[in-house]
Amino acid sequence: MKNPVLEKFFTYDINKNSSKCNVVGCTKYISGKHASNLEKHIFALHKNECKDLTEAKLSKSGARIDNVQLHDKAMVSND
């Protein structure tokens, strides 16, 4: 399964080997195009886009978001 973070939020420049964040108001460039690094940027600086990214990843995997939310609530209550 391909992570949708690059196609959804970044433009990759092969000549510079960097990914520019396309979220309105953001001017950050991330070195390379590794999905993990791009996700960290989105999760740290763009909270509103986190939900969109999570839903896109879940839809590609076939999971349902309500099941994940129930799982997250169970994990919190077990702490």
N, C-alpha and C. Protein backbone atom coordinates (compact mmCIF):
# COMPACT_ATOMS: atom_id res chain seq x y z
N MET A 1 0.85 -1.18 0.00
CA MET A 1 0.00 0.00 0.00
C MET A 1 0.89 1.24 0.00
N LYS A 2 0.64 2.11 -0.92
CA LYS A 2 1.40 3.36 -1.03
C LYS A 2 0.79 4.41 -0.10
N ASN A 3 1.65 5.08 0.64
CA ASN A 3 1.22 6.13 1.56
C ASN A 3 0.80 7.36 0.76
N PRO A 4 -0.41 7.90 0.99
CA PRO A 4 -0.91 9.03 0.21
C PRO A 4 -0.36 10.40 0.62
N VAL A 5 0.51 10.47 1.60
CA VAL A 5 0.96 11.77 2.12
C VAL A 5 1.65 12.62 1.06
N LEU A 6 2.48 12.00 0.22
CA LEU A 6 3.20 12.78 -0.80
C LEU A 6 2.24 13.37 -1.83
N GLU A 7 1.36 12.55 -2.37
CA GLU A 7 0.45 13.04 -3.41
C GLU A 7 -0.61 14.00 -2.86
N LYS A 8 -0.92 13.88 -1.59
CA LYS A 8 -1.98 14.70 -0.99
C LYS A 8 -1.49 16.08 -0.53
N PHE A 9 -0.26 16.15 -0.01
CA PHE A 9 0.19 17.38 0.65
C PHE A 9 1.52 17.95 0.17
N PHE A 10 2.23 17.28 -0.71
CA PHE A 10 3.57 17.72 -1.09
C PHE A 10 3.78 17.68 -2.60
N THR A 11 4.75 18.47 -3.05
CA THR A 11 5.23 18.42 -4.42
C THR A 11 6.71 18.08 -4.34
N TYR A 12 7.09 16.97 -4.96
CA TYR A 12 8.48 16.51 -4.91
C TYR A 12 9.26 17.08 -6.09
N ASP A 13 10.44 17.64 -5.81
CA ASP A 13 11.34 18.16 -6.84
C ASP A 13 12.54 17.21 -6.93
N ILE A 14 12.56 16.43 -8.00
CA ILE A 14 13.61 15.42 -8.15
C ILE A 14 15.00 16.05 -8.26
N ASN A 15 15.10 17.23 -8.87
CA ASN A 15 16.40 17.90 -9.03
C ASN A 15 16.99 18.37 -7.71
N LYS A 16 16.13 18.80 -6.80
CA LYS A 16 16.58 19.27 -5.48
C LYS A 16 16.48 18.18 -4.42
N ASN A 17 15.83 17.06 -4.77
CA ASN A 17 15.57 15.97 -3.82
C ASN A 17 14.90 16.52 -2.55
N SER A 18 13.85 17.31 -2.76
CA SER A 18 13.12 17.86 -1.63
C SER A 18 11.62 17.91 -1.95
N SER A 19 10.83 17.89 -0.90
CA SER A 19 9.38 17.93 -1.03
C SER A 19 8.87 19.22 -0.41
N LYS A 20 8.12 19.99 -1.18
CA LYS A 20 7.55 21.25 -0.69
C LYS A 20 6.16 20.98 -0.15
N CYS A 21 5.89 21.46 1.04
CA CYS A 21 4.56 21.32 1.64
C CYS A 21 3.60 22.25 0.90
N ASN A 22 2.45 21.70 0.51
CA ASN A 22 1.45 22.46 -0.23
C ASN A 22 0.29 22.96 0.64
N VAL A 23 0.38 22.79 1.94
CA VAL A 23 -0.66 23.29 2.84
C VAL A 23 -0.60 24.82 2.80
N VAL A 24 -1.75 25.44 2.67
CA VAL A 24 -1.83 26.90 2.55
C VAL A 24 -1.10 27.57 3.72
N GLY A 25 -0.21 28.48 3.39
CA GLY A 25 0.52 29.23 4.42
C GLY A 25 1.82 28.59 4.85
N CYS A 26 2.09 27.37 4.42
CA CYS A 26 3.33 26.69 4.82
C CYS A 26 4.36 26.84 3.72
N THR A 27 5.59 27.14 4.11
CA THR A 27 6.67 27.32 3.14
C THR A 27 7.79 26.31 3.36
N LYS A 28 7.53 25.26 4.11
CA LYS A 28 8.57 24.29 4.47
C LYS A 28 8.92 23.36 3.31
N TYR A 29 10.19 23.01 3.25
CA TYR A 29 10.71 21.99 2.35
C TYR A 29 11.27 20.87 3.22
N ILE A 30 10.96 19.64 2.86
CA ILE A 30 11.46 18.47 3.57
C ILE A 30 12.43 17.75 2.64
N SER A 31 13.58 17.39 3.13
CA SER A 31 14.56 16.68 2.32
C SER A 31 14.02 15.32 1.92
N GLY A 32 14.13 14.98 0.63
CA GLY A 32 13.69 13.69 0.13
C GLY A 32 12.18 13.59 0.01
N LYS A 33 11.71 12.34 -0.07
CA LYS A 33 10.26 12.10 -0.17
C LYS A 33 9.82 10.91 0.66
N HIS A 34 10.57 10.60 1.71
CA HIS A 34 10.22 9.47 2.55
C HIS A 34 8.94 9.77 3.32
N ALA A 35 7.96 8.90 3.18
CA ALA A 35 6.63 9.12 3.74
C ALA A 35 6.64 9.38 5.23
N SER A 36 7.49 8.70 5.95
CA SER A 36 7.55 8.87 7.41
C SER A 36 7.93 10.31 7.79
N ASN A 37 8.91 10.87 7.11
CA ASN A 37 9.32 12.26 7.39
C ASN A 37 8.22 13.25 7.01
N LEU A 38 7.57 13.00 5.88
CA LEU A 38 6.50 13.89 5.44
C LEU A 38 5.32 13.84 6.42
N GLU A 39 4.99 12.63 6.89
CA GLU A 39 3.90 12.48 7.88
C GLU A 39 4.23 13.23 9.16
N LYS A 40 5.45 13.12 9.62
CA LYS A 40 5.85 13.81 10.86
C LYS A 40 5.62 15.31 10.73
N HIS A 41 5.93 15.86 9.56
CA HIS A 41 5.70 17.28 9.33
C HIS A 41 4.21 17.60 9.42
N ILE A 42 3.39 16.82 8.75
CA ILE A 42 1.94 17.06 8.77
C ILE A 42 1.39 16.95 10.19
N PHE A 43 1.77 15.89 10.90
CA PHE A 43 1.25 15.69 12.26
C PHE A 43 1.72 16.77 13.23
N ALA A 44 2.93 17.27 13.03
CA ALA A 44 3.47 18.28 13.95
C ALA A 44 2.94 19.68 13.68
N LEU A 45 2.73 20.03 12.40
CA LEU A 45 2.42 21.42 12.08
C LEU A 45 1.03 21.66 11.48
N HIS A 46 0.34 20.62 11.08
CA HIS A 46 -0.93 20.80 10.37
C HIS A 46 -2.00 19.86 10.95
N LYS A 47 -2.48 20.18 12.12
CA LYS A 47 -3.44 19.32 12.83
C LYS A 47 -4.71 19.09 12.03
N ASN A 48 -5.19 20.09 11.31
CA ASN A 48 -6.43 19.91 10.54
C ASN A 48 -6.26 18.89 9.41
N GLU A 49 -5.06 18.80 8.85
CA GLU A 49 -4.80 17.88 7.76
C GLU A 49 -4.54 16.46 8.25
N CYS A 50 -4.27 16.30 9.53
CA CYS A 50 -4.00 14.96 10.10
C CYS A 50 -5.19 14.03 9.88
N LYS A 51 -6.38 14.53 10.12
CA LYS A 51 -7.58 13.71 9.96
C LYS A 51 -7.74 13.29 8.50
N ASP A 52 -7.52 14.22 7.58
CA ASP A 52 -7.61 13.89 6.15
C ASP A 52 -6.61 12.79 5.78
N LEU A 53 -5.41 12.90 6.27
CA LEU A 53 -4.38 11.91 5.97
C LEU A 53 -4.75 10.55 6.55
N THR A 54 -5.20 10.54 7.79
CA THR A 54 -5.59 9.29 8.43
C THR A 54 -6.73 8.63 7.66
N GLU A 55 -7.73 9.40 7.28
CA GLU A 55 -8.85 8.85 6.52
C GLU A 55 -8.39 8.32 5.16
N ALA A 56 -7.49 9.02 4.50
CA ALA A 56 -6.98 8.56 3.20
C ALA A 56 -6.22 7.25 3.34
N LYS A 57 -5.41 7.14 4.39
CA LYS A 57 -4.66 5.90 4.61
C LYS A 57 -5.60 4.75 4.93
N LEU A 58 -6.62 5.03 5.72
CA LEU A 58 -7.58 3.97 6.08
C LEU A 58 -8.40 3.52 4.88
N SER A 59 -8.79 4.46 4.03
CA SER A 59 -9.59 4.08 2.87
C SER A 59 -8.79 3.21 1.92
N LYS A 60 -7.49 3.43 1.82
CA LYS A 60 -6.64 2.59 0.98
C LYS A 60 -6.48 1.20 1.58
N SER A 61 -6.51 1.11 2.89
CA SER A 61 -6.33 -0.19 3.55
C SER A 61 -7.65 -0.94 3.69
N GLY A 62 -8.78 -0.25 3.49
CA GLY A 62 -10.08 -0.90 3.62
C GLY A 62 -10.65 -0.86 5.04
N ALA A 63 -9.93 -0.26 5.97
CA ALA A 63 -10.42 -0.16 7.35
C ALA A 63 -11.43 0.97 7.46
N ARG A 64 -12.21 0.93 8.52
CA ARG A 64 -13.20 1.98 8.74
C ARG A 64 -12.73 2.85 9.89
N ILE A 65 -12.92 4.15 9.76
CA ILE A 65 -12.43 5.10 10.76
C ILE A 65 -13.13 4.93 12.11
N ASP A 66 -14.41 4.55 12.13
CA ASP A 66 -15.09 4.39 13.41
C ASP A 66 -14.49 3.24 14.21
N ASN A 67 -14.01 2.18 13.55
CA ASN A 67 -13.35 1.09 14.26
C ASN A 67 -12.03 1.54 14.86
N VAL A 68 -11.30 2.36 14.15
CA VAL A 68 -10.03 2.87 14.64
C VAL A 68 -10.26 3.79 15.83
N GLN A 69 -11.28 4.65 15.76
CA GLN A 69 -11.57 5.55 16.87
C GLN A 69 -11.97 4.75 18.11
N LEU A 70 -12.74 3.69 17.95
CA LEU A 70 -13.10 2.85 19.09
C LEU A 70 -11.86 2.19 19.68
N HIS A 71 -10.97 1.73 18.83
CA HIS A 71 -9.73 1.12 19.29
C HIS A 71 -8.90 2.15 20.06
N ASP A 72 -8.79 3.37 19.55
CA ASP A 72 -8.03 4.41 20.22
C ASP A 72 -8.61 4.72 21.60
N LYS A 73 -9.94 4.78 21.70
CA LYS A 73 -10.58 5.07 22.99
C LYS A 73 -10.29 3.93 23.98
N ALA A 74 -10.32 2.69 23.50
CA ALA A 74 -10.02 1.55 24.37
C ALA A 74 -8.59 1.61 24.86
N MET A 75 -7.66 2.02 24.01
CA MET A 75 -6.26 2.11 24.39
C MET A 75 -6.06 3.18 25.47
N VAL A 76 -6.78 4.30 25.35
CA VAL A 76 -6.66 5.38 26.32
C VAL A 76 -7.21 4.94 27.66
N SER A 77 -8.32 4.22 27.67
CA SER A 77 -8.95 3.81 28.92
C SER A 77 -8.15 2.73 29.64
N ASN A 78 -7.27 2.02 28.91
CA ASN A 78 -6.45 0.99 29.52
C ASN A 78 -5.21 1.55 30.19
N ASP A 79 -4.88 2.78 29.92
CA ASP A 79 -3.67 3.39 30.49
C ASP A 79 -3.80 3.70 31.95
